Amino acid sequence: MNFLVAVLRRRLIGALGYSLQGLKACFQNEEAFRVELALAVVLAPLSLLLADNYLELVLMLAALLVVLIVELLNSAVEAVVDRVGTERHELSGRAKDIGSAAVLLSMIMFLVVWGLCLTHDLNLTHDLNLTHDLK
């Protein structure tokens, strides 16, 4: 049992180290990630003030994290494509475009979630029956 715990601990520490290296590399090399992270640092505490209930808070924070996660994955795809070669290739362009589209969709989701959470008190969505008092 001690062996299993030692192996798990070593694997978790190793995985954490690689994850931190990935975050550092993305922060150092990707301007988009730095901008999105700066917005997340501002908006995460703000969501604590703006959310009316725990469900809204979780949705708002999850939307922020999804943007960061998708940007990390997009950056990884771009790094691999650039590693393979710098010459133009249809598949390389397609991979980068698809990654960019994923980031765009995550940002749209972020805007929809935050927009609905922040405007539901204005009864803008009342006719759509999208608002519920979850307190």
N, C-alpha and C. Protein backbone atom coordinates (compact mmCIF):
# COMPACT_ATOMS: atom_id res chain seq x y z
N MET A 1 0.82 -1.20 0.00
CA MET A 1 0.00 0.00 0.00
C MET A 1 0.86 1.26 0.00
N ASN A 2 1.94 1.26 0.80
CA ASN A 2 2.84 2.40 0.83
C ASN A 2 3.49 2.64 -0.53
N PHE A 3 3.78 1.52 -1.25
CA PHE A 3 4.37 1.63 -2.58
C PHE A 3 3.39 2.35 -3.51
N LEU A 4 2.12 1.96 -3.46
CA LEU A 4 1.10 2.58 -4.30
C LEU A 4 0.95 4.06 -4.00
N VAL A 5 0.95 4.42 -2.74
CA VAL A 5 0.85 5.82 -2.34
C VAL A 5 2.06 6.60 -2.84
N ALA A 6 3.25 6.01 -2.73
CA ALA A 6 4.47 6.67 -3.20
C ALA A 6 4.44 6.89 -4.70
N VAL A 7 3.98 5.88 -5.45
CA VAL A 7 3.90 6.00 -6.91
C VAL A 7 2.88 7.07 -7.28
N LEU A 8 1.72 7.05 -6.65
CA LEU A 8 0.70 8.05 -6.94
C LEU A 8 1.19 9.46 -6.62
N ARG A 9 1.86 9.60 -5.50
CA ARG A 9 2.37 10.91 -5.10
C ARG A 9 3.41 11.40 -6.11
N ARG A 10 4.31 10.51 -6.51
CA ARG A 10 5.35 10.88 -7.47
C ARG A 10 4.72 11.25 -8.82
N ARG A 11 3.73 10.50 -9.25
CA ARG A 11 3.05 10.79 -10.53
C ARG A 11 2.30 12.11 -10.46
N LEU A 12 1.61 12.36 -9.36
CA LEU A 12 0.86 13.61 -9.22
C LEU A 12 1.79 14.82 -9.18
N ILE A 13 2.89 14.69 -8.47
CA ILE A 13 3.85 15.79 -8.39
C ILE A 13 4.47 16.03 -9.76
N GLY A 14 4.79 14.96 -10.48
CA GLY A 14 5.33 15.10 -11.83
C GLY A 14 4.33 15.76 -12.77
N ALA A 15 3.07 15.31 -12.70
CA ALA A 15 2.03 15.89 -13.56
C ALA A 15 1.82 17.37 -13.23
N LEU A 16 1.84 17.70 -11.96
CA LEU A 16 1.68 19.10 -11.56
C LEU A 16 2.83 19.94 -12.11
N GLY A 17 4.04 19.42 -12.05
CA GLY A 17 5.20 20.13 -12.58
C GLY A 17 5.06 20.41 -14.07
N TYR A 18 4.64 19.39 -14.84
CA TYR A 18 4.45 19.57 -16.28
C TYR A 18 3.32 20.58 -16.55
N SER A 19 2.28 20.51 -15.76
CA SER A 19 1.16 21.44 -15.95
C SER A 19 1.60 22.88 -15.70
N LEU A 20 2.37 23.08 -14.65
CA LEU A 20 2.86 24.43 -14.35
C LEU A 20 3.81 24.92 -15.45
N GLN A 21 4.63 24.02 -16.00
CA GLN A 21 5.50 24.39 -17.12
C GLN A 21 4.66 24.81 -18.33
N GLY A 22 3.56 24.10 -18.57
CA GLY A 22 2.68 24.44 -19.69
C GLY A 22 2.03 25.79 -19.50
N LEU A 23 1.56 26.07 -18.29
CA LEU A 23 0.97 27.38 -18.01
C LEU A 23 2.00 28.49 -18.19
N LYS A 24 3.20 28.25 -17.70
CA LYS A 24 4.27 29.24 -17.82
C LYS A 24 4.62 29.49 -19.29
N ALA A 25 4.75 28.42 -20.07
CA ALA A 25 5.10 28.54 -21.48
C ALA A 25 4.01 29.30 -22.24
N CYS A 26 2.76 28.99 -21.94
CA CYS A 26 1.66 29.67 -22.63
C CYS A 26 1.64 31.15 -22.24
N PHE A 27 1.86 31.43 -20.98
CA PHE A 27 1.88 32.82 -20.52
C PHE A 27 3.02 33.60 -21.18
N GLN A 28 4.18 32.99 -21.31
CA GLN A 28 5.34 33.66 -21.87
C GLN A 28 5.23 33.86 -23.38
N ASN A 29 4.56 32.93 -24.07
CA ASN A 29 4.60 32.93 -25.53
C ASN A 29 3.30 33.33 -26.22
N GLU A 30 2.20 33.40 -25.50
CA GLU A 30 0.91 33.66 -26.14
C GLU A 30 0.26 34.91 -25.56
N GLU A 31 0.24 35.96 -26.35
CA GLU A 31 -0.36 37.22 -25.91
C GLU A 31 -1.86 37.06 -25.61
N ALA A 32 -2.55 36.29 -26.44
CA ALA A 32 -3.99 36.09 -26.22
C ALA A 32 -4.25 35.47 -24.85
N PHE A 33 -3.42 34.50 -24.46
CA PHE A 33 -3.59 33.87 -23.15
C PHE A 33 -3.35 34.87 -22.03
N ARG A 34 -2.34 35.73 -22.19
CA ARG A 34 -2.08 36.74 -21.16
C ARG A 34 -3.26 37.69 -21.00
N VAL A 35 -3.86 38.10 -22.11
CA VAL A 35 -5.01 39.01 -22.06
C VAL A 35 -6.19 38.31 -21.40
N GLU A 36 -6.47 37.08 -21.81
CA GLU A 36 -7.60 36.34 -21.23
C GLU A 36 -7.37 36.05 -19.75
N LEU A 37 -6.14 35.76 -19.37
CA LEU A 37 -5.84 35.52 -17.97
C LEU A 37 -6.02 36.80 -17.15
N ALA A 38 -5.59 37.93 -17.69
CA ALA A 38 -5.77 39.21 -16.99
C ALA A 38 -7.25 39.50 -16.79
N LEU A 39 -8.06 39.24 -17.82
CA LEU A 39 -9.50 39.44 -17.68
C LEU A 39 -10.09 38.49 -16.63
N ALA A 40 -9.61 37.26 -16.62
CA ALA A 40 -10.10 36.29 -15.63
C ALA A 40 -9.74 36.71 -14.21
N VAL A 41 -8.55 37.27 -14.04
CA VAL A 41 -8.12 37.72 -12.72
C VAL A 41 -9.03 38.86 -12.22
N VAL A 42 -9.49 39.69 -13.14
CA VAL A 42 -10.39 40.79 -12.77
C VAL A 42 -11.82 40.29 -12.61
N LEU A 43 -12.27 39.47 -13.55
CA LEU A 43 -13.68 39.07 -13.58
C LEU A 43 -14.04 38.00 -12.54
N ALA A 44 -13.10 37.15 -12.18
CA ALA A 44 -13.41 36.09 -11.19
C ALA A 44 -13.86 36.70 -9.86
N PRO A 45 -13.10 37.63 -9.27
CA PRO A 45 -13.59 38.23 -8.03
C PRO A 45 -14.87 39.06 -8.25
N LEU A 46 -14.97 39.67 -9.41
CA LEU A 46 -16.17 40.46 -9.71
C LEU A 46 -17.41 39.57 -9.77
N SER A 47 -17.24 38.34 -10.23
CA SER A 47 -18.38 37.43 -10.30
C SER A 47 -18.94 37.13 -8.91
N LEU A 48 -18.08 37.17 -7.89
CA LEU A 48 -18.56 36.97 -6.52
C LEU A 48 -19.55 38.06 -6.11
N LEU A 49 -19.34 39.25 -6.64
CA LEU A 49 -20.25 40.37 -6.33
C LEU A 49 -21.47 40.39 -7.24
N LEU A 50 -21.32 39.95 -8.47
CA LEU A 50 -22.39 40.09 -9.46
C LEU A 50 -23.37 38.93 -9.47
N ALA A 51 -22.92 37.75 -9.11
CA ALA A 51 -23.79 36.58 -9.14
C ALA A 51 -24.87 36.69 -8.06
N ASP A 52 -26.08 36.34 -8.43
CA ASP A 52 -27.19 36.40 -7.49
C ASP A 52 -27.32 35.13 -6.65
N ASN A 53 -26.72 34.05 -7.12
CA ASN A 53 -26.82 32.79 -6.40
C ASN A 53 -25.63 31.90 -6.79
N TYR A 54 -25.53 30.75 -6.13
CA TYR A 54 -24.38 29.88 -6.37
C TYR A 54 -24.35 29.32 -7.79
N LEU A 55 -25.51 29.06 -8.37
CA LEU A 55 -25.55 28.54 -9.73
C LEU A 55 -24.97 29.56 -10.71
N GLU A 56 -25.37 30.80 -10.58
CA GLU A 56 -24.81 31.84 -11.43
C GLU A 56 -23.31 31.96 -11.22
N LEU A 57 -22.87 31.91 -9.99
CA LEU A 57 -21.45 32.02 -9.69
C LEU A 57 -20.66 30.89 -10.36
N VAL A 58 -21.15 29.68 -10.23
CA VAL A 58 -20.47 28.54 -10.84
C VAL A 58 -20.47 28.67 -12.36
N LEU A 59 -21.58 29.07 -12.94
CA LEU A 59 -21.64 29.24 -14.40
C LEU A 59 -20.68 30.33 -14.88
N MET A 60 -20.64 31.44 -14.16
CA MET A 60 -19.77 32.54 -14.56
C MET A 60 -18.30 32.15 -14.46
N LEU A 61 -17.93 31.48 -13.37
CA LEU A 61 -16.53 31.04 -13.21
C LEU A 61 -16.18 29.94 -14.22
N ALA A 62 -17.11 29.03 -14.47
CA ALA A 62 -16.86 27.97 -15.44
C ALA A 62 -16.66 28.55 -16.84
N ALA A 63 -17.45 29.54 -17.20
CA ALA A 63 -17.30 30.17 -18.52
C ALA A 63 -15.92 30.81 -18.66
N LEU A 64 -15.45 31.44 -17.58
CA LEU A 64 -14.09 32.01 -17.60
C LEU A 64 -13.04 30.92 -17.80
N LEU A 65 -13.17 29.84 -17.05
CA LEU A 65 -12.19 28.76 -17.14
C LEU A 65 -12.21 28.08 -18.51
N VAL A 66 -13.38 27.94 -19.10
CA VAL A 66 -13.47 27.30 -20.41
C VAL A 66 -12.68 28.10 -21.45
N VAL A 67 -12.79 29.42 -21.40
CA VAL A 67 -12.02 30.25 -22.34
C VAL A 67 -10.52 29.99 -22.16
N LEU A 68 -10.05 29.95 -20.93
CA LEU A 68 -8.63 29.71 -20.67
C LEU A 68 -8.21 28.31 -21.12
N ILE A 69 -9.03 27.32 -20.84
CA ILE A 69 -8.72 25.94 -21.22
C ILE A 69 -8.64 25.81 -22.74
N VAL A 70 -9.61 26.38 -23.44
CA VAL A 70 -9.62 26.28 -24.90
C VAL A 70 -8.43 27.04 -25.49
N GLU A 71 -8.07 28.16 -24.90
CA GLU A 71 -6.90 28.90 -25.38
C GLU A 71 -5.62 28.09 -25.18
N LEU A 72 -5.51 27.39 -24.05
CA LEU A 72 -4.36 26.51 -23.83
C LEU A 72 -4.29 25.42 -24.89
N LEU A 73 -5.41 24.80 -25.18
CA LEU A 73 -5.44 23.74 -26.20
C LEU A 73 -5.12 24.30 -27.58
N ASN A 74 -5.66 25.46 -27.91
CA ASN A 74 -5.37 26.10 -29.19
C ASN A 74 -3.88 26.41 -29.30
N SER A 75 -3.29 26.91 -28.23
CA SER A 75 -1.87 27.22 -28.23
C SER A 75 -1.03 25.95 -28.41
N ALA A 76 -1.47 24.86 -27.81
CA ALA A 76 -0.76 23.59 -27.98
C ALA A 76 -0.82 23.12 -29.43
N VAL A 77 -1.99 23.23 -30.05
CA VAL A 77 -2.12 22.85 -31.46
C VAL A 77 -1.20 23.71 -32.32
N GLU A 78 -1.22 25.01 -32.08
CA GLU A 78 -0.37 25.91 -32.86
C GLU A 78 1.11 25.59 -32.68
N ALA A 79 1.52 25.27 -31.47
CA ALA A 79 2.92 24.93 -31.22
C ALA A 79 3.32 23.66 -31.97
N VAL A 80 2.46 22.67 -31.97
CA VAL A 80 2.77 21.42 -32.68
C VAL A 80 2.84 21.67 -34.18
N VAL A 81 1.89 22.43 -34.71
CA VAL A 81 1.89 22.74 -36.14
C VAL A 81 3.16 23.49 -36.51
N ASP A 82 3.54 24.46 -35.71
CA ASP A 82 4.76 25.23 -35.99
C ASP A 82 6.01 24.36 -35.87
N ARG A 83 5.98 23.39 -34.98
CA ARG A 83 7.12 22.48 -34.79
C ARG A 83 7.31 21.59 -36.00
N VAL A 84 6.20 21.18 -36.60
CA VAL A 84 6.26 20.28 -37.75
C VAL A 84 6.90 20.98 -38.94
N GLY A 85 6.59 22.24 -39.13
CA GLY A 85 7.18 22.97 -40.25
C GLY A 85 6.60 24.35 -40.37
N THR A 86 7.39 25.25 -40.93
CA THR A 86 6.94 26.64 -41.08
C THR A 86 6.36 26.90 -42.46
N GLU A 87 6.52 25.95 -43.38
CA GLU A 87 5.96 26.17 -44.71
C GLU A 87 4.44 26.05 -44.67
N ARG A 88 3.80 26.77 -45.59
CA ARG A 88 2.33 26.75 -45.63
C ARG A 88 1.85 25.39 -46.10
N HIS A 89 0.84 24.87 -45.39
CA HIS A 89 0.22 23.61 -45.77
C HIS A 89 -1.25 23.69 -45.42
N GLU A 90 -2.08 23.16 -46.29
CA GLU A 90 -3.53 23.24 -46.08
C GLU A 90 -3.96 22.64 -44.73
N LEU A 91 -3.40 21.51 -44.37
CA LEU A 91 -3.78 20.87 -43.11
C LEU A 91 -3.30 21.67 -41.90
N SER A 92 -2.13 22.28 -42.01
CA SER A 92 -1.64 23.12 -40.92
C SER A 92 -2.55 24.32 -40.72
N GLY A 93 -2.92 24.95 -41.82
CA GLY A 93 -3.83 26.09 -41.74
C GLY A 93 -5.18 25.69 -41.19
N ARG A 94 -5.67 24.52 -41.62
CA ARG A 94 -6.96 24.04 -41.13
C ARG A 94 -6.91 23.79 -39.62
N ALA A 95 -5.83 23.17 -39.15
CA ALA A 95 -5.70 22.89 -37.71
C ALA A 95 -5.71 24.19 -36.91
N LYS A 96 -4.96 25.18 -37.38
CA LYS A 96 -4.92 26.46 -36.67
C LYS A 96 -6.27 27.17 -36.72
N ASP A 97 -6.95 27.11 -37.86
CA ASP A 97 -8.26 27.75 -37.98
C ASP A 97 -9.30 27.08 -37.08
N ILE A 98 -9.24 25.77 -36.99
CA ILE A 98 -10.18 25.05 -36.12
C ILE A 98 -9.93 25.39 -34.66
N GLY A 99 -8.66 25.48 -34.28
CA GLY A 99 -8.34 25.88 -32.91
C GLY A 99 -8.85 27.28 -32.61
N SER A 100 -8.67 28.18 -33.57
CA SER A 100 -9.16 29.55 -33.41
C SER A 100 -10.68 29.59 -33.31
N ALA A 101 -11.35 28.76 -34.09
CA ALA A 101 -12.81 28.69 -34.03
C ALA A 101 -13.27 28.19 -32.66
N ALA A 102 -12.54 27.26 -32.08
CA ALA A 102 -12.88 26.76 -30.75
C ALA A 102 -12.78 27.87 -29.71
N VAL A 103 -11.74 28.70 -29.83
CA VAL A 103 -11.59 29.83 -28.91
C VAL A 103 -12.76 30.80 -29.10
N LEU A 104 -13.11 31.08 -30.34
CA LEU A 104 -14.24 31.97 -30.62
C LEU A 104 -15.53 31.45 -29.99
N LEU A 105 -15.80 30.17 -30.14
CA LEU A 105 -17.02 29.59 -29.56
C LEU A 105 -16.99 29.66 -28.04
N SER A 106 -15.83 29.46 -27.44
CA SER A 106 -15.75 29.56 -25.97
C SER A 106 -16.01 31.00 -25.52
N MET A 107 -15.57 31.96 -26.31
CA MET A 107 -15.83 33.37 -25.96
C MET A 107 -17.30 33.72 -26.14
N ILE A 108 -17.93 33.17 -27.17
CA ILE A 108 -19.37 33.39 -27.35
C ILE A 108 -20.13 32.80 -26.18
N MET A 109 -19.73 31.58 -25.76
CA MET A 109 -20.38 30.96 -24.60
C MET A 109 -20.20 31.84 -23.37
N PHE A 110 -18.99 32.36 -23.17
CA PHE A 110 -18.72 33.25 -22.05
C PHE A 110 -19.67 34.46 -22.09
N LEU A 111 -19.79 35.09 -23.24
CA LEU A 111 -20.66 36.27 -23.37
C LEU A 111 -22.12 35.94 -23.10
N VAL A 112 -22.57 34.79 -23.58
CA VAL A 112 -23.96 34.38 -23.36
C VAL A 112 -24.21 34.12 -21.88
N VAL A 113 -23.32 33.36 -21.24
CA VAL A 113 -23.50 33.04 -19.82
C VAL A 113 -23.48 34.31 -18.98
N TRP A 114 -22.46 35.15 -19.16
CA TRP A 114 -22.37 36.37 -18.37
C TRP A 114 -23.51 37.32 -18.71
N GLY A 115 -23.85 37.40 -19.98
CA GLY A 115 -24.96 38.28 -20.37
C GLY A 115 -26.26 37.88 -19.72
N LEU A 116 -26.58 36.58 -19.74
CA LEU A 116 -27.83 36.12 -19.13
C LEU A 116 -27.79 36.30 -17.61
N CYS A 117 -26.65 36.01 -17.00
CA CYS A 117 -26.55 36.16 -15.55
C CYS A 117 -26.69 37.62 -15.12
N LEU A 118 -26.15 38.52 -15.91
CA LEU A 118 -26.16 39.93 -15.51
C LEU A 118 -27.44 40.66 -15.91
N THR A 119 -28.18 40.13 -16.86
CA THR A 119 -29.39 40.84 -17.32
C THR A 119 -30.69 40.18 -16.90
N HIS A 120 -30.64 39.07 -16.20
CA HIS A 120 -31.90 38.40 -15.89
C HIS A 120 -32.79 39.25 -14.98
N ASP A 121 -32.20 40.11 -14.17
CA ASP A 121 -33.01 40.99 -13.31
C ASP A 121 -33.72 42.08 -14.10
N LEU A 122 -33.28 42.31 -15.33
CA LEU A 122 -33.90 43.34 -16.16
C LEU A 122 -35.14 42.81 -16.89
N ASN A 123 -35.44 41.53 -16.71
CA ASN A 123 -36.58 40.87 -17.35
C ASN A 123 -36.49 40.89 -18.87
N LEU A 124 -35.29 40.95 -19.40
CA LEU A 124 -35.11 40.90 -20.85
C LEU A 124 -35.43 39.53 -21.41
N THR A 125 -35.26 38.51 -20.58
CA THR A 125 -35.50 37.14 -21.03
C THR A 125 -36.80 36.58 -20.47
N HIS A 126 -37.64 37.43 -19.90
CA HIS A 126 -38.87 36.97 -19.28
C HIS A 126 -39.77 36.24 -20.27
N ASP A 127 -39.89 36.76 -21.47
CA ASP A 127 -40.76 36.13 -22.46
C ASP A 127 -40.24 34.79 -22.92
N LEU A 128 -38.96 34.55 -22.76
CA LEU A 128 -38.37 33.26 -23.15
C LEU A 128 -38.45 32.24 -22.03
N ASN A 129 -38.91 32.68 -20.87
CA ASN A 129 -39.03 31.81 -19.70
C ASN A 129 -37.69 31.15 -19.36
N LEU A 130 -36.62 31.94 -19.45
CA LEU A 130 -35.29 31.42 -19.15
C LEU A 130 -34.87 31.72 -17.73
N THR A 131 -35.58 32.57 -17.04
CA THR A 131 -35.13 32.95 -15.71
C THR A 131 -35.95 32.20 -14.66
N HIS A 132 -35.25 31.78 -13.66
CA HIS A 132 -35.87 31.09 -12.53
C HIS A 132 -35.19 31.60 -11.26
N ASP A 133 -35.94 31.74 -10.22
CA ASP A 133 -35.35 32.14 -8.94
C ASP A 133 -34.79 30.89 -8.29
N LEU A 134 -33.47 30.77 -8.28
CA LEU A 134 -32.81 29.57 -7.76
C LEU A 134 -32.23 29.78 -6.37
N LYS A 135 -32.61 30.86 -5.73
CA LYS A 135 -32.07 31.14 -4.41
C LYS A 135 -32.61 30.19 -3.38
